[in-house]
PDB file of N, CA and C in Angstrom:
ATOM      1  N   UNK A   1     -21.822  -4.229  -9.392  1.00  0.00           N
ATOM      2  CA  UNK A   1     -21.106  -4.696  -8.222  1.00  0.00           C
ATOM      3  C   UNK A   1     -19.623  -4.393  -8.414  1.00  0.00           C
ATOM      4  N   UNK A   2     -18.973  -3.720  -7.435  1.00  0.00           N
ATOM      5  CA  UNK A   2     -17.567  -3.372  -7.586  1.00  0.00           C
ATOM      6  C   UNK A   2     -16.678  -4.612  -7.551  1.00  0.00           C
ATOM      7  N   UNK A   3     -15.581  -4.530  -8.286  1.00  0.00           N
ATOM      8  CA  UNK A   3     -14.605  -5.611  -8.305  1.00  0.00           C
ATOM      9  C   UNK A   3     -13.745  -5.509  -7.054  1.00  0.00           C
ATOM     10  N   UNK A   4     -13.792  -6.512  -6.193  1.00  0.00           N
ATOM     11  CA  UNK A   4     -13.087  -6.457  -4.920  1.00  0.00           C
ATOM     12  C   UNK A   4     -11.578  -6.547  -5.073  1.00  0.00           C
ATOM     13  N   UNK A   5     -11.093  -6.972  -6.229  1.00  0.00           N
ATOM     14  CA  UNK A   5      -9.654  -7.105  -6.393  1.00  0.00           C
ATOM     15  C   UNK A   5      -8.984  -5.793  -6.798  1.00  0.00           C
ATOM     16  N   UNK A   6      -9.753  -4.740  -7.032  1.00  0.00           N
ATOM     17  CA  UNK A   6      -9.161  -3.455  -7.377  1.00  0.00           C
ATOM     18  C   UNK A   6      -8.577  -2.801  -6.134  1.00  0.00           C
ATOM     19  N   UNK A   7      -7.390  -2.265  -6.288  1.00  0.00           N
ATOM     20  CA  UNK A   7      -6.725  -1.610  -5.164  1.00  0.00           C
ATOM     21  C   UNK A   7      -7.401  -0.282  -4.855  1.00  0.00           C
ATOM     22  N   UNK A   8      -7.615  -0.027  -3.590  1.00  0.00           N
ATOM     23  CA  UNK A   8      -8.183   1.243  -3.131  1.00  0.00           C
ATOM     24  C   UNK A   8      -7.167   2.022  -2.305  1.00  0.00           C
ATOM     25  N   UNK A   9      -6.253   1.305  -1.649  1.00  0.00           N
ATOM     26  CA  UNK A   9      -5.238   1.942  -0.814  1.00  0.00           C
ATOM     27  C   UNK A   9      -3.847   1.490  -1.239  1.00  0.00           C
ATOM     28  N   UNK A  10      -2.919   2.430  -1.254  1.00  0.00           N
ATOM     29  CA  UNK A  10      -1.506   2.160  -1.485  1.00  0.00           C
ATOM     30  C   UNK A  10      -0.785   2.536  -0.202  1.00  0.00           C
ATOM     31  N   UNK A  11      -0.052   1.598   0.362  1.00  0.00           N
ATOM     32  CA  UNK A  11       0.690   1.855   1.594  1.00  0.00           C
ATOM     33  C   UNK A  11       2.172   1.731   1.280  1.00  0.00           C
ATOM     34  N   UNK A  12       2.900   2.822   1.486  1.00  0.00           N
ATOM     35  CA  UNK A  12       4.343   2.822   1.282  1.00  0.00           C
ATOM     36  C   UNK A  12       5.015   2.570   2.621  1.00  0.00           C
ATOM     37  N   UNK A  13       5.852   1.548   2.650  1.00  0.00           N
ATOM     38  CA  UNK A  13       6.558   1.178   3.871  1.00  0.00           C
ATOM     39  C   UNK A  13       7.996   1.658   3.792  1.00  0.00           C
ATOM     40  N   UNK A  14       8.431   2.384   4.809  1.00  0.00           N
ATOM     41  CA  UNK A  14       9.833   2.784   4.888  1.00  0.00           C
ATOM     42  C   UNK A  14      10.208   3.878   3.908  1.00  0.00           C
ATOM     43  N   UNK A  15      11.451   3.816   3.453  1.00  0.00           N
ATOM     44  CA  UNK A  15      12.009   4.847   2.581  1.00  0.00           C
ATOM     45  C   UNK A  15      11.453   4.721   1.166  1.00  0.00           C
ATOM     46  N   UNK A  16      11.951   5.572   0.284  1.00  0.00           N
ATOM     47  CA  UNK A  16      11.498   5.552  -1.109  1.00  0.00           C
ATOM     48  C   UNK A  16      11.781   4.212  -1.775  1.00  0.00           C
ATOM     49  N   UNK A  17      12.771   3.494  -1.305  1.00  0.00           N
ATOM     50  CA  UNK A  17      13.082   2.183  -1.887  1.00  0.00           C
ATOM     51  C   UNK A  17      12.391   1.053  -1.137  1.00  0.00           C
ATOM     52  N   UNK A  18      11.453   1.399  -0.250  1.00  0.00           N
ATOM     53  CA  UNK A  18      10.743   0.399   0.542  1.00  0.00           C
ATOM     54  C   UNK A  18       9.660  -0.309  -0.254  1.00  0.00           C
ATOM     55  N   UNK A  19       8.753  -0.925   0.451  1.00  0.00           N
ATOM     56  CA  UNK A  19       7.689  -1.712  -0.179  1.00  0.00           C
ATOM     57  C   UNK A  19       6.468  -0.854  -0.468  1.00  0.00           C
ATOM     58  N   UNK A  20       5.750  -1.207  -1.526  1.00  0.00           N
ATOM     59  CA  UNK A  20       4.501  -0.543  -1.903  1.00  0.00           C
ATOM     60  C   UNK A  20       3.413  -1.607  -1.897  1.00  0.00           C
ATOM     61  N   UNK A  21       2.517  -1.544  -0.915  1.00  0.00           N
ATOM     62  CA  UNK A  21       1.491  -2.560  -0.707  1.00  0.00           C
ATOM     63  C   UNK A  21       0.137  -2.045  -1.175  1.00  0.00           C
ATOM     64  N   UNK A  22      -0.667  -2.931  -1.754  1.00  0.00           N
ATOM     65  CA  UNK A  22      -1.989  -2.570  -2.264  1.00  0.00           C
ATOM     66  C   UNK A  22      -3.072  -3.309  -1.487  1.00  0.00           C
ATOM     67  N   UNK A  23      -4.131  -2.574  -1.116  1.00  0.00           N
ATOM     68  CA  UNK A  23      -5.261  -3.135  -0.378  1.00  0.00           C
ATOM     69  C   UNK A  23      -6.550  -2.728  -1.073  1.00  0.00           C
ATOM     70  N   UNK A  24      -7.573  -3.585  -0.985  1.00  0.00           N
ATOM     71  CA  UNK A  24      -8.867  -3.266  -1.591  1.00  0.00           C
ATOM     72  C   UNK A  24      -9.711  -2.441  -0.630  1.00  0.00           C
ATOM     73  N   UNK A  25     -10.937  -2.133  -1.035  1.00  0.00           N
ATOM     74  CA  UNK A  25     -11.839  -1.315  -0.230  1.00  0.00           C
ATOM     75  C   UNK A  25     -12.255  -1.948   1.082  1.00  0.00           C
ATOM     76  N   UNK A  26     -12.094  -3.272   1.170  1.00  0.00           N
ATOM     77  CA  UNK A  26     -12.415  -3.970   2.423  1.00  0.00           C
ATOM     78  C   UNK A  26     -11.170  -4.197   3.266  1.00  0.00           C
ATOM     79  N   UNK A  27     -10.089  -3.498   2.888  1.00  0.00           N
ATOM     80  CA  UNK A  27      -8.816  -3.530   3.607  1.00  0.00           C
ATOM     81  C   UNK A  27      -8.128  -4.894   3.566  1.00  0.00           C
ATOM     82  N   UNK A  28      -8.392  -5.636   2.489  1.00  0.00           N
ATOM     83  CA  UNK A  28      -7.725  -6.922   2.277  1.00  0.00           C
ATOM     84  C   UNK A  28      -6.519  -6.694   1.367  1.00  0.00           C
ATOM     85  N   UNK A  29      -5.410  -7.335   1.694  1.00  0.00           N
ATOM     86  CA  UNK A  29      -4.192  -7.206   0.905  1.00  0.00           C
ATOM     87  C   UNK A  29      -4.401  -7.853  -0.455  1.00  0.00           C
ATOM     88  N   UNK A  30      -4.173  -7.113  -1.532  1.00  0.00           N
ATOM     89  CA  UNK A  30      -4.342  -7.669  -2.873  1.00  0.00           C
ATOM     90  C   UNK A  30      -3.027  -7.819  -3.619  1.00  0.00           C
ATOM     91  N   UNK A  31      -1.967  -7.213  -3.132  1.00  0.00           N
ATOM     92  CA  UNK A  31      -0.691  -7.383  -3.810  1.00  0.00           C
ATOM     93  C   UNK A  31       0.337  -6.355  -3.406  1.00  0.00           C
ATOM     94  N   UNK A  32       1.442  -6.440  -4.111  1.00  0.00           N
ATOM     95  CA  UNK A  32       2.574  -5.569  -3.845  1.00  0.00           C
ATOM     96  C   UNK A  32       3.136  -5.114  -5.185  1.00  0.00           C
ATOM     97  N   UNK A  33       3.514  -3.857  -5.265  1.00  0.00           N
ATOM     98  CA  UNK A  33       4.117  -3.339  -6.487  1.00  0.00           C
ATOM     99  C   UNK A  33       5.603  -3.690  -6.442  1.00  0.00           C
ATOM    100  N   UNK A  34       6.049  -4.462  -7.441  1.00  0.00           N
ATOM    101  CA  UNK A  34       7.453  -4.847  -7.544  1.00  0.00           C
ATOM    102  C   UNK A  34       8.031  -4.111  -8.749  1.00  0.00           C
ATOM    103  N   UNK A  35       9.005  -3.261  -8.504  1.00  0.00           N
ATOM    104  CA  UNK A  35       9.637  -2.528  -9.595  1.00  0.00           C
ATOM    105  C   UNK A  35      11.000  -2.031  -9.143  1.00  0.00           C
ATOM    106  N   UNK A  36      11.776  -1.566 -10.099  1.00  0.00           N
ATOM    107  CA  UNK A  36      13.132  -1.120  -9.790  1.00  0.00           C
ATOM    108  C   UNK A  36      13.315   0.385  -9.910  1.00  0.00           C
ATOM    109  N   UNK A  37      12.462   1.045 -10.675  1.00  0.00           N
ATOM    110  CA  UNK A  37      12.678   2.466 -10.928  1.00  0.00           C
ATOM    111  C   UNK A  37      11.632   3.395 -10.318  1.00  0.00           C
ATOM    112  N   UNK A  38      10.590   2.870  -9.716  1.00  0.00           N
ATOM    113  CA  UNK A  38       9.580   3.698  -9.077  1.00  0.00           C
ATOM    114  C   UNK A  38       8.521   4.263 -10.006  1.00  0.00           C
ATOM    115  N   UNK A  39       8.547   3.926 -11.293  1.00  0.00           N
ATOM    116  CA  UNK A  39       7.613   4.509 -12.260  1.00  0.00           C
ATOM    117  C   UNK A  39       6.159   4.186 -11.927  1.00  0.00           C
ATOM    118  N   UNK A  40       5.860   2.936 -11.620  1.00  0.00           N
ATOM    119  CA  UNK A  40       4.470   2.532 -11.360  1.00  0.00           C
ATOM    120  C   UNK A  40       3.934   3.240 -10.123  1.00  0.00           C
ATOM    121  N   UNK A  41       4.720   3.261  -9.060  1.00  0.00           N
ATOM    122  CA  UNK A  41       4.278   3.932  -7.828  1.00  0.00           C
ATOM    123  C   UNK A  41       4.079   5.417  -8.090  1.00  0.00           C
ATOM    124  N   UNK A  42       5.002   6.036  -8.816  1.00  0.00           N
ATOM    125  CA  UNK A  42       4.849   7.460  -9.143  1.00  0.00           C
ATOM    126  C   UNK A  42       3.553   7.722  -9.900  1.00  0.00           C
ATOM    127  N   UNK A  43       3.209   6.848 -10.843  1.00  0.00           N
ATOM    128  CA  UNK A  43       1.960   7.007 -11.610  1.00  0.00           C
ATOM    129  C   UNK A  43       0.736   6.854 -10.709  1.00  0.00           C
ATOM    130  N   UNK A  44       0.770   5.894  -9.789  1.00  0.00           N
ATOM    131  CA  UNK A  44      -0.353   5.713  -8.861  1.00  0.00           C
ATOM    132  C   UNK A  44      -0.516   6.934  -7.960  1.00  0.00           C
ATOM    133  N   UNK A  45       0.598   7.510  -7.527  1.00  0.00           N
ATOM    134  CA  UNK A  45       0.542   8.647  -6.610  1.00  0.00           C
ATOM    135  C   UNK A  45       0.070   9.936  -7.282  1.00  0.00           C
ATOM    136  N   UNK A  46       0.117  10.006  -8.608  1.00  0.00           N
ATOM    137  CA  UNK A  46      -0.316  11.221  -9.311  1.00  0.00           C
ATOM    138  C   UNK A  46      -1.759  11.592  -8.988  1.00  0.00           C
ATOM    139  N   UNK A  47      -2.627  10.610  -8.842  1.00  0.00           N
ATOM    140  CA  UNK A  47      -4.050  10.886  -8.590  1.00  0.00           C
ATOM    141  C   UNK A  47      -4.486  10.468  -7.190  1.00  0.00           C
ATOM    142  N   UNK A  48      -3.564   9.940  -6.405  1.00  0.00           N
ATOM    143  CA  UNK A  48      -3.900   9.483  -5.053  1.00  0.00           C
ATOM    144  C   UNK A  48      -3.917  10.664  -4.091  1.00  0.00           C
ATOM    145  N   UNK A  49      -4.569  10.449  -2.963  1.00  0.00           N
ATOM    146  CA  UNK A  49      -4.531  11.480  -1.919  1.00  0.00           C
ATOM    147  C   UNK A  49      -4.128  10.816  -0.605  1.00  0.00           C
ATOM    148  N   UNK A  50      -3.294  11.512   0.135  1.00  0.00           N
ATOM    149  CA  UNK A  50      -2.816  10.985   1.412  1.00  0.00           C
ATOM    150  C   UNK A  50      -3.993  10.790   2.353  1.00  0.00           C
ATOM    151  N   UNK A  51      -3.930   9.732   3.136  1.00  0.00           N
ATOM    152  CA  UNK A  51      -4.982   9.449   4.112  1.00  0.00           C
ATOM    153  C   UNK A  51      -4.348   8.705   5.284  1.00  0.00           C
ATOM    154  N   UNK A  52      -5.003   8.711   6.426  1.00  0.00           N
ATOM    155  CA  UNK A  52      -4.487   7.908   7.535  1.00  0.00           C
ATOM    156  C   UNK A  52      -4.644   6.426   7.201  1.00  0.00           C
ATOM    157  N   UNK A  53      -3.768   5.615   7.744  1.00  0.00           N
ATOM    158  CA  UNK A  53      -3.882   4.168   7.566  1.00  0.00           C
ATOM    159  C   UNK A  53      -5.206   3.736   8.176  1.00  0.00           C
ATOM    160  N   UNK A  54      -6.147   3.177   7.368  1.00  0.00           N
ATOM    161  CA  UNK A  54      -7.481   2.858   7.874  1.00  0.00           C
ATOM    162  C   UNK A  54      -7.470   1.917   9.074  1.00  0.00           C
ATOM    163  N   UNK A  55      -6.573   0.947   9.056  1.00  0.00           N
ATOM    164  CA  UNK A  55      -6.520  -0.031  10.142  1.00  0.00           C
ATOM    165  C   UNK A  55      -5.119  -0.625  10.168  1.00  0.00           C
ATOM    166  N   UNK A  56      -4.303  -0.291  11.170  1.00  0.00           N
ATOM    167  CA  UNK A  56      -2.944  -0.830  11.222  1.00  0.00           C
ATOM    168  C   UNK A  56      -2.896  -2.358  11.185  1.00  0.00           C
ATOM    169  N   UNK A  57      -3.957  -3.026  11.621  1.00  0.00           N
ATOM    170  CA  UNK A  57      -3.982  -4.491  11.617  1.00  0.00           C
ATOM    171  C   UNK A  57      -3.979  -5.054  10.198  1.00  0.00           C
ATOM    172  N   UNK A  58      -4.343  -4.238   9.206  1.00  0.00           N
ATOM    173  CA  UNK A  58      -4.361  -4.747   7.837  1.00  0.00           C
ATOM    174  C   UNK A  58      -2.963  -5.130   7.362  1.00  0.00           C
ATOM    175  N   UNK A  59      -1.923  -4.575   7.971  1.00  0.00           N
ATOM    176  CA  UNK A  59      -0.558  -4.915   7.589  1.00  0.00           C
ATOM    177  C   UNK A  59      -0.183  -6.329   8.015  1.00  0.00           C
ATOM    178  N   UNK A  60      -0.946  -6.921   8.940  1.00  0.00           N
ATOM    179  CA  UNK A  60      -0.639  -8.276   9.411  1.00  0.00           C
ATOM    180  C   UNK A  60      -0.908  -9.333   8.345  1.00  0.00           C
ATOM    181  N   UNK A  61      -1.639  -8.995   7.276  1.00  0.00           N
ATOM    182  CA  UNK A  61      -1.940  -9.937   6.192  1.00  0.00           C
ATOM    183  C   UNK A  61      -0.780 -10.106   5.220  1.00  0.00           C
ATOM    184  N   UNK A  62       0.150  -9.168   5.223  1.00  0.00           N
ATOM    185  CA  UNK A  62       1.218  -9.118   4.232  1.00  0.00           C
ATOM    186  C   UNK A  62       2.248 -10.210   4.487  1.00  0.00           C
ATOM    187  N   UNK A  63       2.648 -10.902   3.411  1.00  0.00           N
ATOM    188  CA  UNK A  63       3.678 -11.939   3.496  1.00  0.00           C
ATOM    189  C   UNK A  63       4.805 -11.623   2.522  1.00  0.00           C
ATOM    190  N   UNK A  64       6.055 -11.578   2.933  1.00  0.00           N
ATOM    191  CA  UNK A  64       6.500 -11.572   4.314  1.00  0.00           C
ATOM    192  C   UNK A  64       6.068 -10.282   4.989  1.00  0.00           C
ATOM    193  N   UNK A  65       5.842 -10.352   6.287  1.00  0.00           N
ATOM    194  CA  UNK A  65       5.327  -9.175   6.993  1.00  0.00           C
ATOM    195  C   UNK A  65       6.333  -8.028   7.000  1.00  0.00           C
ATOM    196  N   UNK A  66       5.827  -6.797   6.989  1.00  0.00           N
ATOM    197  CA  UNK A  66       6.721  -5.644   7.112  1.00  0.00           C
ATOM    198  C   UNK A  66       7.306  -5.599   8.513  1.00  0.00           C
ATOM    199  N   UNK A  67       8.423  -4.902   8.698  1.00  0.00           N
ATOM    200  CA  UNK A  67       9.002  -4.797  10.041  1.00  0.00           C
ATOM    201  C   UNK A  67       7.999  -4.194  11.017  1.00  0.00           C
ATOM    202  N   UNK A  68       7.938  -4.751  12.201  1.00  0.00           N
ATOM    203  CA  UNK A  68       6.971  -4.284  13.198  1.00  0.00           C
ATOM    204  C   UNK A  68       7.354  -2.931  13.772  1.00  0.00           C
ATOM    205  N   UNK A  69       8.642  -2.681  13.886  1.00  0.00           N
ATOM    206  CA  UNK A  69       9.078  -1.420  14.499  1.00  0.00           C
ATOM    207  C   UNK A  69      10.072  -0.709  13.601  1.00  0.00           C
ATOM    208  N   UNK A  70      10.101   0.568  13.732  1.00  0.00           N
ATOM    209  CA  UNK A  70      11.094   1.354  13.024  1.00  0.00           C
ATOM    210  C   UNK A  70      10.751   1.676  11.572  1.00  0.00           C
ATOM    211  N   UNK A  71       9.692   1.113  11.049  1.00  0.00           N
ATOM    212  CA  UNK A  71       9.316   1.410   9.664  1.00  0.00           C
ATOM    213  C   UNK A  71       8.079   2.296   9.655  1.00  0.00           C
ATOM    214  N   UNK A  72       8.144   3.346   8.882  1.00  0.00           N
ATOM    215  CA  UNK A  72       6.980   4.219   8.777  1.00  0.00           C
ATOM    216  C   UNK A  72       6.072   3.716   7.660  1.00  0.00           C
ATOM    217  N   UNK A  73       4.796   3.995   7.789  1.00  0.00           N
ATOM    218  CA  UNK A  73       3.820   3.610   6.765  1.00  0.00           C
ATOM    219  C   UNK A  73       3.065   4.863   6.336  1.00  0.00           C
ATOM    220  N   UNK A  74       3.092   5.161   5.050  1.00  0.00           N
ATOM    221  CA  UNK A  74       2.334   6.274   4.486  1.00  0.00           C
ATOM    222  C   UNK A  74       1.227   5.684   3.632  1.00  0.00           C
ATOM    223  N   UNK A  75      -0.002   6.099   3.887  1.00  0.00           N
ATOM    224  CA  UNK A  75      -1.150   5.537   3.185  1.00  0.00           C
ATOM    225  C   UNK A  75      -1.724   6.561   2.210  1.00  0.00           C
ATOM    226  N   UNK A  76      -2.164   6.061   1.051  1.00  0.00           N
ATOM    227  CA  UNK A  76      -2.781   6.890   0.026  1.00  0.00           C
ATOM    228  C   UNK A  76      -4.034   6.197  -0.473  1.00  0.00           C
ATOM    229  N   UNK A  77      -5.103   6.968  -0.646  1.00  0.00           N
ATOM    230  CA  UNK A  77      -6.334   6.429  -1.225  1.00  0.00           C
ATOM    231  C   UNK A  77      -6.268   6.621  -2.731  1.00  0.00           C
ATOM    232  N   UNK A  78      -6.477   5.534  -3.460  1.00  0.00           N
ATOM    233  CA  UNK A  78      -6.384   5.578  -4.924  1.00  0.00           C
ATOM    234  C   UNK A  78      -7.724   5.908  -5.553  1.00  0.00           C
TER     235      UNK A  78
END
């Protein structure tokens, strides 16, 4: 049985200094990457592949919520 807490999607919000959000295979928010130098996100992106955001509504689970307008979201499957 797969572990539901493992991240399957990485969503980058905004610019390179923006937020990096993690979601599981059921599109549930599991966390956020907090860092200052970008090393962890860079390592995750090494094996990730770009994909469309599976469901824009999944961003509504994030606390505090990302900006509703003006922020771009790039999704990657891990």
